[in-house]
All heavy atoms as atom14 arrays in JSON, in Angstrom:
{
  "sequence": "CCTLKDGKDCLNYGILDGIPEIKELFAPVLGVESGQIFVGGNSSLSIM",
  "atom14_mask": [
    [1, 1, 1, 1, 1, 1, 0, 0, 0, 0, 0, 0, 0, 0],
    [1, 1, 1, 1, 1, 1, 0, 0, 0, 0, 0, 0, 0, 0],
    [1, 1, 1, 1, 1, 1, 1, 0, 0, 0, 0, 0, 0, 0],
    [1, 1, 1, 1, 1, 1, 1, 1, 0, 0, 0, 0, 0, 0],
    [1, 1, 1, 1, 1, 1, 1, 1, 1, 0, 0, 0, 0, 0],
    [1, 1, 1, 1, 1, 1, 1, 1, 0, 0, 0, 0, 0, 0],
    [1, 1, 1, 1, 0, 0, 0, 0, 0, 0, 0, 0, 0, 0],
    [1, 1, 1, 1, 1, 1, 1, 1, 1, 0, 0, 0, 0, 0],
    [1, 1, 1, 1, 1, 1, 1, 1, 0, 0, 0, 0, 0, 0],
    [1, 1, 1, 1, 1, 1, 0, 0, 0, 0, 0, 0, 0, 0],
    [1, 1, 1, 1, 1, 1, 1, 1, 0, 0, 0, 0, 0, 0],
    [1, 1, 1, 1, 1, 1, 1, 1, 0, 0, 0, 0, 0, 0],
    [1, 1, 1, 1, 1, 1, 1, 1, 1, 1, 1, 1, 0, 0],
    [1, 1, 1, 1, 0, 0, 0, 0, 0, 0, 0, 0, 0, 0],
    [1, 1, 1, 1, 1, 1, 1, 1, 0, 0, 0, 0, 0, 0],
    [1, 1, 1, 1, 1, 1, 1, 1, 0, 0, 0, 0, 0, 0],
    [1, 1, 1, 1, 1, 1, 1, 1, 0, 0, 0, 0, 0, 0],
    [1, 1, 1, 1, 0, 0, 0, 0, 0, 0, 0, 0, 0, 0],
    [1, 1, 1, 1, 1, 1, 1, 1, 0, 0, 0, 0, 0, 0],
    [1, 1, 1, 1, 1, 1, 1, 0, 0, 0, 0, 0, 0, 0],
    [1, 1, 1, 1, 1, 1, 1, 1, 1, 0, 0, 0, 0, 0],
    [1, 1, 1, 1, 1, 1, 1, 1, 0, 0, 0, 0, 0, 0],
    [1, 1, 1, 1, 1, 1, 1, 1, 1, 0, 0, 0, 0, 0],
    [1, 1, 1, 1, 1, 1, 1, 1, 1, 0, 0, 0, 0, 0],
    [1, 1, 1, 1, 1, 1, 1, 1, 0, 0, 0, 0, 0, 0],
    [1, 1, 1, 1, 1, 1, 1, 1, 1, 1, 1, 0, 0, 0],
    [1, 1, 1, 1, 1, 0, 0, 0, 0, 0, 0, 0, 0, 0],
    [1, 1, 1, 1, 1, 1, 1, 0, 0, 0, 0, 0, 0, 0],
    [1, 1, 1, 1, 1, 1, 1, 0, 0, 0, 0, 0, 0, 0],
    [1, 1, 1, 1, 1, 1, 1, 1, 0, 0, 0, 0, 0, 0],
    [1, 1, 1, 1, 0, 0, 0, 0, 0, 0, 0, 0, 0, 0],
    [1, 1, 1, 1, 1, 1, 1, 0, 0, 0, 0, 0, 0, 0],
    [1, 1, 1, 1, 1, 1, 1, 1, 1, 0, 0, 0, 0, 0],
    [1, 1, 1, 1, 1, 1, 0, 0, 0, 0, 0, 0, 0, 0],
    [1, 1, 1, 1, 0, 0, 0, 0, 0, 0, 0, 0, 0, 0],
    [1, 1, 1, 1, 1, 1, 1, 1, 1, 0, 0, 0, 0, 0],
    [1, 1, 1, 1, 1, 1, 1, 1, 0, 0, 0, 0, 0, 0],
    [1, 1, 1, 1, 1, 1, 1, 1, 1, 1, 1, 0, 0, 0],
    [1, 1, 1, 1, 1, 1, 1, 0, 0, 0, 0, 0, 0, 0],
    [1, 1, 1, 1, 0, 0, 0, 0, 0, 0, 0, 0, 0, 0],
    [1, 1, 1, 1, 0, 0, 0, 0, 0, 0, 0, 0, 0, 0],
    [1, 1, 1, 1, 1, 1, 1, 1, 0, 0, 0, 0, 0, 0],
    [1, 1, 1, 1, 1, 1, 0, 0, 0, 0, 0, 0, 0, 0],
    [1, 1, 1, 1, 1, 1, 0, 0, 0, 0, 0, 0, 0, 0],
    [1, 1, 1, 1, 1, 1, 1, 1, 0, 0, 0, 0, 0, 0],
    [1, 1, 1, 1, 1, 1, 0, 0, 0, 0, 0, 0, 0, 0],
    [1, 1, 1, 1, 1, 1, 1, 1, 0, 0, 0, 0, 0, 0],
    [1, 1, 1, 1, 1, 1, 1, 1, 0, 0, 0, 0, 0, 0]
  ],
  "atom14_positions": [
    [[-15.51, -7.99, -5.09], [-14.69, -7.38, -6.17], [-13.36, -6.95, -5.53], [-13.31, -6.28, -4.53], [-15.38, -6.14, -6.73], [-14.38, -5.22, -7.9], [0.0, 0.0, 0.0], [0.0, 0.0, 0.0], [0.0, 0.0, 0.0], [0.0, 0.0, 0.0], [0.0, 0.0, 0.0], [0.0, 0.0, 0.0], [0.0, 0.0, 0.0], [0.0, 0.0, 0.0]],
    [[-12.28, -7.42, -6.13], [-10.94, -7.08, -5.64], [-10.16, -6.17, -6.56], [-8.92, -6.24, -6.67], [-10.15, -8.39, -5.39], [-10.84, -9.44, -4.09], [0.0, 0.0, 0.0], [0.0, 0.0, 0.0], [0.0, 0.0, 0.0], [0.0, 0.0, 0.0], [0.0, 0.0, 0.0], [0.0, 0.0, 0.0], [0.0, 0.0, 0.0], [0.0, 0.0, 0.0]],
    [[-10.94, -5.37, -7.31], [-10.37, -4.4, -8.29], [-10.18, -3.06, -7.58], [-11.15, -2.62, -6.87], [-11.26, -4.3, -9.49], [-11.36, -5.57, -10.11], [-10.56, -3.34, -10.53], [0.0, 0.0, 0.0], [0.0, 0.0, 0.0], [0.0, 0.0, 0.0], [0.0, 0.0, 0.0], [0.0, 0.0, 0.0], [0.0, 0.0, 0.0], [0.0, 0.0, 0.0]],
    [[-9.07, -2.44, -7.75], [-8.8, -1.12, -7.16], [-9.43, 0.02, -7.93], [-9.89, -0.18, -9.11], [-7.33, -0.9, -7.0], [-6.55, -1.97, -6.17], [-5.06, -1.72, -6.24], [-7.07, -1.99, -4.74], [0.0, 0.0, 0.0], [0.0, 0.0, 0.0], [0.0, 0.0, 0.0], [0.0, 0.0, 0.0], [0.0, 0.0, 0.0], [0.0, 0.0, 0.0]],
    [[-9.35, 1.24, -7.41], [-9.88, 2.35, -8.15], [-9.19, 2.56, -9.5], [-9.85, 3.01, -10.45], [-9.7, 3.65, -7.27], [-10.52, 3.61, -6.0], [-10.25, 4.89, -5.14], [-10.96, 4.94, -3.86], [-10.63, 6.07, -3.03], [0.0, 0.0, 0.0], [0.0, 0.0, 0.0], [0.0, 0.0, 0.0], [0.0, 0.0, 0.0], [0.0, 0.0, 0.0]],
    [[-7.93, 2.21, -9.57], [-7.21, 2.42, -10.83], [-7.41, 1.27, -11.8], [-6.75, 1.23, -12.83], [-5.76, 2.73, -10.55], [-4.98, 1.59, -9.88], [-5.66, 0.52, -9.65], [-3.86, 1.74, -9.49], [0.0, 0.0, 0.0], [0.0, 0.0, 0.0], [0.0, 0.0, 0.0], [0.0, 0.0, 0.0], [0.0, 0.0, 0.0], [0.0, 0.0, 0.0]],
    [[-8.2, 0.27, -11.38], [-8.52, -0.92, -12.3], [-7.59, -2.05, -12.09], [-7.86, -3.12, -12.72], [0.0, 0.0, 0.0], [0.0, 0.0, 0.0], [0.0, 0.0, 0.0], [0.0, 0.0, 0.0], [0.0, 0.0, 0.0], [0.0, 0.0, 0.0], [0.0, 0.0, 0.0], [0.0, 0.0, 0.0], [0.0, 0.0, 0.0], [0.0, 0.0, 0.0]],
    [[-6.59, -1.94, -11.3], [-5.7, -3.09, -11.02], [-6.37, -4.14, -10.18], [-7.17, -3.81, -9.28], [-4.4, -2.65, -10.41], [-3.56, -1.78, -11.38], [-2.25, -1.29, -10.74], [-1.49, -0.44, -11.7], [-0.24, 0.09, -11.09], [0.0, 0.0, 0.0], [0.0, 0.0, 0.0], [0.0, 0.0, 0.0], [0.0, 0.0, 0.0], [0.0, 0.0, 0.0]],
    [[-5.99, -5.4, -10.43], [-6.61, -6.56, -9.72], [-5.73, -7.04, -8.59], [-4.54, -7.39, -8.84], [-6.8, -7.68, -10.77], [-7.61, -8.81, -10.16], [-7.9, -8.84, -8.99], [-7.9, -9.76, -10.95], [0.0, 0.0, 0.0], [0.0, 0.0, 0.0], [0.0, 0.0, 0.0], [0.0, 0.0, 0.0], [0.0, 0.0, 0.0], [0.0, 0.0, 0.0]],
    [[-6.25, -7.0, -7.37], [-5.43, -7.41, -6.22], [-5.16, -8.91, -6.19], [-4.34, -9.37, -5.44], [-6.15, -7.06, -4.95], [-6.14, -5.31, -4.48], [0.0, 0.0, 0.0], [0.0, 0.0, 0.0], [0.0, 0.0, 0.0], [0.0, 0.0, 0.0], [0.0, 0.0, 0.0], [0.0, 0.0, 0.0], [0.0, 0.0, 0.0], [0.0, 0.0, 0.0]],
    [[-5.84, -9.67, -7.06], [-5.68, -11.11, -7.07], [-4.42, -11.52, -7.88], [-3.93, -12.62, -7.76], [-6.9, -11.86, -7.66], [-8.22, -11.62, -6.92], [-9.33, -12.26, -7.67], [-8.11, -12.21, -5.47], [0.0, 0.0, 0.0], [0.0, 0.0, 0.0], [0.0, 0.0, 0.0], [0.0, 0.0, 0.0], [0.0, 0.0, 0.0], [0.0, 0.0, 0.0]],
    [[-3.89, -10.57, -8.61], [-2.78, -10.98, -9.52], [-1.45, -10.36, -9.02], [-1.33, -9.78, -7.95], [-3.11, -10.44, -10.93], [-2.58, -11.37, -12.0], [-1.54, -11.99, -11.88], [-3.36, -11.51, -13.04], [0.0, 0.0, 0.0], [0.0, 0.0, 0.0], [0.0, 0.0, 0.0], [0.0, 0.0, 0.0], [0.0, 0.0, 0.0], [0.0, 0.0, 0.0]],
    [[-0.38, -10.64, -9.79], [0.92, -10.08, -9.5], [0.91, -8.53, -9.56], [0.06, -7.93, -10.05], [1.97, -10.58, -10.51], [2.33, -12.03, -10.36], [2.12, -12.96, -11.43], [3.0, -12.52, -9.23], [2.5, -14.26, -11.3], [3.37, -13.81, -9.1], [3.14, -14.71, -10.18], [3.49, -15.98, -10.08], [0.0, 0.0, 0.0], [0.0, 0.0, 0.0]],
    [[2.05, -8.0, -8.98], [2.21, -6.5, -9.17], [2.02, -5.71, -7.92], [1.71, -6.19, -6.83], [0.0, 0.0, 0.0], [0.0, 0.0, 0.0], [0.0, 0.0, 0.0], [0.0, 0.0, 0.0], [0.0, 0.0, 0.0], [0.0, 0.0, 0.0], [0.0, 0.0, 0.0], [0.0, 0.0, 0.0], [0.0, 0.0, 0.0], [0.0, 0.0, 0.0]],
    [[2.16, -4.37, -8.11], [2.09, -3.37, -7.07], [3.0, -3.63, -5.95], [2.57, -3.93, -4.82], [0.6, -3.23, -6.51], [-0.45, -3.34, -7.74], [0.39, -1.91, -5.83], [-1.9, -3.18, -7.25], [0.0, 0.0, 0.0], [0.0, 0.0, 0.0], [0.0, 0.0, 0.0], [0.0, 0.0, 0.0], [0.0, 0.0, 0.0], [0.0, 0.0, 0.0]],
    [[4.25, -3.58, -6.23], [5.32, -3.94, -5.29], [5.21, -3.13, -3.95], [5.39, -3.68, -2.92], [6.72, -3.61, -5.91], [7.9, -3.67, -4.98], [8.17, -5.1, -4.5], [9.15, -3.08, -5.65], [0.0, 0.0, 0.0], [0.0, 0.0, 0.0], [0.0, 0.0, 0.0], [0.0, 0.0, 0.0], [0.0, 0.0, 0.0], [0.0, 0.0, 0.0]],
    [[4.95, -1.85, -4.06], [5.01, -0.98, -2.87], [3.67, -0.78, -2.18], [3.58, 0.02, -1.22], [5.58, 0.41, -3.23], [4.83, 1.08, -4.39], [4.06, 0.41, -5.03], [5.02, 2.26, -4.54], [0.0, 0.0, 0.0], [0.0, 0.0, 0.0], [0.0, 0.0, 0.0], [0.0, 0.0, 0.0], [0.0, 0.0, 0.0], [0.0, 0.0, 0.0]],
    [[2.65, -1.55, -2.53], [1.37, -1.51, -1.86], [0.31, -0.76, -2.61], [0.55, 0.16, -3.4], [0.0, 0.0, 0.0], [0.0, 0.0, 0.0], [0.0, 0.0, 0.0], [0.0, 0.0, 0.0], [0.0, 0.0, 0.0], [0.0, 0.0, 0.0], [0.0, 0.0, 0.0], [0.0, 0.0, 0.0], [0.0, 0.0, 0.0], [0.0, 0.0, 0.0]],
    [[-0.96, -1.05, -2.31], [-2.04, -0.47, -3.05], [-2.23, 0.99, -2.61], [-2.05, 1.31, -1.48], [-3.37, -1.27, -2.84], [-3.83, -1.22, -1.38], [-3.18, -2.69, -3.3], [-5.22, -1.92, -1.16], [0.0, 0.0, 0.0], [0.0, 0.0, 0.0], [0.0, 0.0, 0.0], [0.0, 0.0, 0.0], [0.0, 0.0, 0.0], [0.0, 0.0, 0.0]],
    [[-2.63, 1.86, -3.53], [-2.74, 3.33, -3.22], [-3.77, 3.52, -2.09], [-3.51, 4.53, -1.31], [-3.22, 3.9, -4.54], [-2.79, 2.9, -5.62], [-2.84, 1.56, -5.02], [0.0, 0.0, 0.0], [0.0, 0.0, 0.0], [0.0, 0.0, 0.0], [0.0, 0.0, 0.0], [0.0, 0.0, 0.0], [0.0, 0.0, 0.0], [0.0, 0.0, 0.0]],
    [[-4.83, 2.77, -2.0], [-5.84, 3.04, -1.06], [-5.38, 2.93, 0.36], [-5.73, 3.74, 1.25], [-7.03, 2.07, -1.23], [-7.96, 2.41, -2.47], [-7.42, 1.81, -3.75], [-6.21, 1.44, -3.83], [-8.21, 1.67, -4.71], [0.0, 0.0, 0.0], [0.0, 0.0, 0.0], [0.0, 0.0, 0.0], [0.0, 0.0, 0.0], [0.0, 0.0, 0.0]],
    [[-4.53, 1.97, 0.65], [-4.06, 1.84, 2.02], [-2.96, 2.82, 2.33], [-2.82, 3.28, 3.49], [-3.56, 0.35, 2.33], [-3.54, 0.13, 3.84], [-2.15, 0.09, 1.75], [-3.46, -1.29, 4.24], [0.0, 0.0, 0.0], [0.0, 0.0, 0.0], [0.0, 0.0, 0.0], [0.0, 0.0, 0.0], [0.0, 0.0, 0.0], [0.0, 0.0, 0.0]],
    [[-2.25, 3.29, 1.35], [-1.3, 4.37, 1.54], [-1.99, 5.66, 1.96], [-1.58, 6.4, 2.85], [-0.46, 4.64, 0.3], [0.48, 3.5, -0.13], [1.26, 3.92, -1.35], [2.2, 2.86, -1.82], [3.03, 3.35, -2.99], [0.0, 0.0, 0.0], [0.0, 0.0, 0.0], [0.0, 0.0, 0.0], [0.0, 0.0, 0.0], [0.0, 0.0, 0.0]],
    [[-3.1, 5.93, 1.28], [-3.89, 7.15, 1.65], [-4.46, 7.01, 3.01], [-4.44, 8.0, 3.76], [-5.04, 7.27, 0.64], [-4.54, 7.63, -0.78], [-5.69, 7.59, -1.84], [-6.84, 7.44, -1.41], [-5.42, 7.66, -3.02], [0.0, 0.0, 0.0], [0.0, 0.0, 0.0], [0.0, 0.0, 0.0], [0.0, 0.0, 0.0], [0.0, 0.0, 0.0]],
    [[-4.85, 5.81, 3.46], [-5.46, 5.6, 4.75], [-4.42, 5.83, 5.88], [-4.73, 6.48, 6.9], [-6.02, 4.19, 4.85], [-6.6, 3.75, 6.23], [-7.71, 4.69, 6.65], [-7.04, 2.27, 6.13], [0.0, 0.0, 0.0], [0.0, 0.0, 0.0], [0.0, 0.0, 0.0], [0.0, 0.0, 0.0], [0.0, 0.0, 0.0], [0.0, 0.0, 0.0]],
    [[-3.17, 5.4, 5.63], [-2.17, 5.45, 6.71], [-1.21, 6.61, 6.57], [-0.28, 6.79, 7.43], [-1.42, 4.15, 6.79], [-2.07, 3.11, 7.61], [-3.07, 2.29, 7.05], [-1.81, 2.9, 8.97], [-3.81, 1.42, 7.84], [-2.45, 2.05, 9.77], [-3.5, 1.26, 9.18], [0.0, 0.0, 0.0], [0.0, 0.0, 0.0], [0.0, 0.0, 0.0]],
    [[-1.31, 7.42, 5.55], [-0.47, 8.58, 5.38], [-0.48, 9.49, 6.66], [0.59, 9.99, 7.09], [-0.81, 9.39, 4.12], [0.0, 0.0, 0.0], [0.0, 0.0, 0.0], [0.0, 0.0, 0.0], [0.0, 0.0, 0.0], [0.0, 0.0, 0.0], [0.0, 0.0, 0.0], [0.0, 0.0, 0.0], [0.0, 0.0, 0.0], [0.0, 0.0, 0.0]],
    [[-1.68, 9.75, 7.27], [-1.71, 10.6, 8.48], [-0.95, 9.95, 9.66], [-0.45, 10.7, 10.54], [-3.15, 10.81, 8.74], [-3.85, 10.49, 7.49], [-3.06, 9.47, 6.83], [0.0, 0.0, 0.0], [0.0, 0.0, 0.0], [0.0, 0.0, 0.0], [0.0, 0.0, 0.0], [0.0, 0.0, 0.0], [0.0, 0.0, 0.0], [0.0, 0.0, 0.0]],
    [[-0.95, 8.64, 9.68], [-0.2, 7.94, 10.77], [1.21, 8.13, 10.65], [1.99, 8.36, 11.61], [-0.63, 6.45, 10.76], [0.06, 5.74, 11.94], [-2.16, 6.26, 10.87], [0.0, 0.0, 0.0], [0.0, 0.0, 0.0], [0.0, 0.0, 0.0], [0.0, 0.0, 0.0], [0.0, 0.0, 0.0], [0.0, 0.0, 0.0], [0.0, 0.0, 0.0]],
    [[1.77, 7.98, 9.44], [3.22, 8.06, 9.18], [3.67, 9.55, 9.11], [4.87, 9.79, 9.31], [3.52, 7.33, 7.88], [3.42, 5.8, 8.03], [3.17, 5.2, 6.62], [4.72, 5.19, 8.5], [0.0, 0.0, 0.0], [0.0, 0.0, 0.0], [0.0, 0.0, 0.0], [0.0, 0.0, 0.0], [0.0, 0.0, 0.0], [0.0, 0.0, 0.0]],
    [[2.74, 10.45, 8.78], [3.15, 11.81, 8.74], [3.89, 12.14, 7.45], [4.69, 13.12, 7.39], [0.0, 0.0, 0.0], [0.0, 0.0, 0.0], [0.0, 0.0, 0.0], [0.0, 0.0, 0.0], [0.0, 0.0, 0.0], [0.0, 0.0, 0.0], [0.0, 0.0, 0.0], [0.0, 0.0, 0.0], [0.0, 0.0, 0.0], [0.0, 0.0, 0.0]],
    [[3.56, 11.4, 6.35], [4.24, 11.69, 5.06], [3.1, 11.63, 3.97], [2.03, 11.24, 4.23], [5.32, 10.63, 4.73], [6.42, 10.65, 5.74], [4.71, 9.22, 4.68], [0.0, 0.0, 0.0], [0.0, 0.0, 0.0], [0.0, 0.0, 0.0], [0.0, 0.0, 0.0], [0.0, 0.0, 0.0], [0.0, 0.0, 0.0], [0.0, 0.0, 0.0]],
    [[3.51, 12.05, 2.79], [2.56, 11.95, 1.67], [2.41, 10.5, 1.27], [3.27, 9.66, 1.47], [3.08, 12.79, 0.47], [3.19, 14.27, 0.77], [3.81, 15.03, -0.41], [4.12, 14.37, -1.43], [4.03, 16.26, -0.26], [0.0, 0.0, 0.0], [0.0, 0.0, 0.0], [0.0, 0.0, 0.0], [0.0, 0.0, 0.0], [0.0, 0.0, 0.0]],
    [[1.25, 10.16, 0.7], [0.98, 8.77, 0.38], [2.05, 8.22, -0.68], [2.35, 7.02, -0.64], [-0.38, 8.62, -0.27], [-0.57, 9.38, -1.44], [0.0, 0.0, 0.0], [0.0, 0.0, 0.0], [0.0, 0.0, 0.0], [0.0, 0.0, 0.0], [0.0, 0.0, 0.0], [0.0, 0.0, 0.0], [0.0, 0.0, 0.0], [0.0, 0.0, 0.0]],
    [[2.58, 9.16, -1.49], [3.65, 8.7, -2.42], [4.98, 8.43, -1.77], [5.88, 7.96, -2.49], [0.0, 0.0, 0.0], [0.0, 0.0, 0.0], [0.0, 0.0, 0.0], [0.0, 0.0, 0.0], [0.0, 0.0, 0.0], [0.0, 0.0, 0.0], [0.0, 0.0, 0.0], [0.0, 0.0, 0.0], [0.0, 0.0, 0.0], [0.0, 0.0, 0.0]],
    [[5.09, 8.67, -0.48], [6.35, 8.39, 0.26], [6.23, 7.16, 1.14], [6.99, 6.97, 2.08], [6.72, 9.61, 1.1], [7.09, 10.87, 0.34], [7.34, 11.99, 1.21], [6.47, 12.8, 1.61], [8.56, 12.14, 1.69], [0.0, 0.0, 0.0], [0.0, 0.0, 0.0], [0.0, 0.0, 0.0], [0.0, 0.0, 0.0], [0.0, 0.0, 0.0]],
    [[5.28, 6.28, 0.82], [4.98, 5.11, 1.67], [5.26, 3.81, 0.89], [4.89, 3.69, -0.25], [3.55, 5.1, 2.17], [3.31, 6.31, 3.08], [3.2, 3.81, 2.87], [1.84, 6.46, 3.54], [0.0, 0.0, 0.0], [0.0, 0.0, 0.0], [0.0, 0.0, 0.0], [0.0, 0.0, 0.0], [0.0, 0.0, 0.0], [0.0, 0.0, 0.0]],
    [[5.94, 2.88, 1.58], [6.09, 1.49, 1.08], [5.33, 0.61, 2.06], [5.49, 0.72, 3.23], [7.58, 1.12, 1.12], [7.89, -0.27, 0.6], [8.15, -0.5, -0.76], [7.86, -1.36, 1.45], [8.38, -1.8, -1.19], [8.12, -2.67, 0.97], [8.37, -2.88, -0.31], [0.0, 0.0, 0.0], [0.0, 0.0, 0.0], [0.0, 0.0, 0.0]],
    [[4.5, -0.29, 1.47], [3.69, -1.18, 2.22], [4.27, -2.58, 2.17], [4.48, -3.12, 1.05], [2.24, -1.2, 1.78], [1.35, -2.0, 2.67], [1.73, 0.23, 1.63], [0.0, 0.0, 0.0], [0.0, 0.0, 0.0], [0.0, 0.0, 0.0], [0.0, 0.0, 0.0], [0.0, 0.0, 0.0], [0.0, 0.0, 0.0], [0.0, 0.0, 0.0]],
    [[4.58, -3.18, 3.29], [5.21, -4.48, 3.35], [4.27, -5.55, 3.78], [3.1, -5.51, 3.5], [0.0, 0.0, 0.0], [0.0, 0.0, 0.0], [0.0, 0.0, 0.0], [0.0, 0.0, 0.0], [0.0, 0.0, 0.0], [0.0, 0.0, 0.0], [0.0, 0.0, 0.0], [0.0, 0.0, 0.0], [0.0, 0.0, 0.0], [0.0, 0.0, 0.0]],
    [[4.79, -6.54, 4.38], [3.99, -7.68, 4.9], [3.36, -7.34, 6.2], [2.88, -6.23, 6.41], [0.0, 0.0, 0.0], [0.0, 0.0, 0.0], [0.0, 0.0, 0.0], [0.0, 0.0, 0.0], [0.0, 0.0, 0.0], [0.0, 0.0, 0.0], [0.0, 0.0, 0.0], [0.0, 0.0, 0.0], [0.0, 0.0, 0.0], [0.0, 0.0, 0.0]],
    [[3.3, -8.31, 7.15], [2.61, -8.08, 8.41], [3.46, -7.5, 9.5], [2.95, -7.15, 10.58], [1.98, -9.38, 8.9], [3.01, -10.3, 9.45], [3.94, -10.8, 8.73], [2.9, -10.7, 10.73], [0.0, 0.0, 0.0], [0.0, 0.0, 0.0], [0.0, 0.0, 0.0], [0.0, 0.0, 0.0], [0.0, 0.0, 0.0], [0.0, 0.0, 0.0]],
    [[4.73, -7.34, 9.29], [5.66, -6.99, 10.37], [6.55, -5.79, 9.99], [7.36, -5.88, 9.07], [6.54, -8.18, 10.7], [7.6, -7.83, 11.59], [0.0, 0.0, 0.0], [0.0, 0.0, 0.0], [0.0, 0.0, 0.0], [0.0, 0.0, 0.0], [0.0, 0.0, 0.0], [0.0, 0.0, 0.0], [0.0, 0.0, 0.0], [0.0, 0.0, 0.0]],
    [[6.46, -4.7, 10.75], [7.38, -3.55, 10.57], [8.77, -3.96, 11.0], [9.82, -3.46, 10.41], [6.92, -2.36, 11.31], [6.76, -2.62, 12.67], [0.0, 0.0, 0.0], [0.0, 0.0, 0.0], [0.0, 0.0, 0.0], [0.0, 0.0, 0.0], [0.0, 0.0, 0.0], [0.0, 0.0, 0.0], [0.0, 0.0, 0.0], [0.0, 0.0, 0.0]],
    [[8.94, -4.84, 11.95], [10.23, -5.3, 12.39], [10.96, -5.99, 11.27], [12.18, -5.86, 11.06], [10.1, -6.23, 13.55], [11.41, -6.62, 14.31], [11.91, -5.4, 15.1], [11.15, -7.77, 15.25], [0.0, 0.0, 0.0], [0.0, 0.0, 0.0], [0.0, 0.0, 0.0], [0.0, 0.0, 0.0], [0.0, 0.0, 0.0], [0.0, 0.0, 0.0]],
    [[10.21, -6.71, 10.43], [10.8, -7.38, 9.28], [11.33, -6.36, 8.28], [12.39, -6.6, 7.67], [9.74, -8.28, 8.6], [10.26, -8.93, 7.51], [0.0, 0.0, 0.0], [0.0, 0.0, 0.0], [0.0, 0.0, 0.0], [0.0, 0.0, 0.0], [0.0, 0.0, 0.0], [0.0, 0.0, 0.0], [0.0, 0.0, 0.0], [0.0, 0.0, 0.0]],
    [[10.62, -5.26, 8.1], [11.08, -4.24, 7.15], [12.38, -3.6, 7.67], [13.34, -3.38, 6.96], [10.02, -3.13, 6.93], [8.7, -3.72, 6.33], [10.55, -2.08, 5.99], [7.67, -2.67, 6.12], [0.0, 0.0, 0.0], [0.0, 0.0, 0.0], [0.0, 0.0, 0.0], [0.0, 0.0, 0.0], [0.0, 0.0, 0.0], [0.0, 0.0, 0.0]],
    [[12.4, -3.35, 8.97], [13.68, -2.82, 9.63], [14.81, -3.73, 9.4], [15.93, -3.29, 9.05], [13.43, -2.58, 11.11], [12.43, -1.56, 11.46], [12.25, -1.42, 13.27], [10.48, -1.21, 13.44], [0.0, 0.0, 0.0], [0.0, 0.0, 0.0], [0.0, 0.0, 0.0], [0.0, 0.0, 0.0], [0.0, 0.0, 0.0], [0.0, 0.0, 0.0]]
  ]
}
């Protein structure tokens, strides 16, 4: 099942800034609230 807690389907378009679940997981790493996170591709250097 690729459906998120909020019912959105990871197989389809959308969710530009990343799924909420991974933001919650990495919020302690970044030291910010989950709502202050943008999730990109595989490379942080690419975002920079």
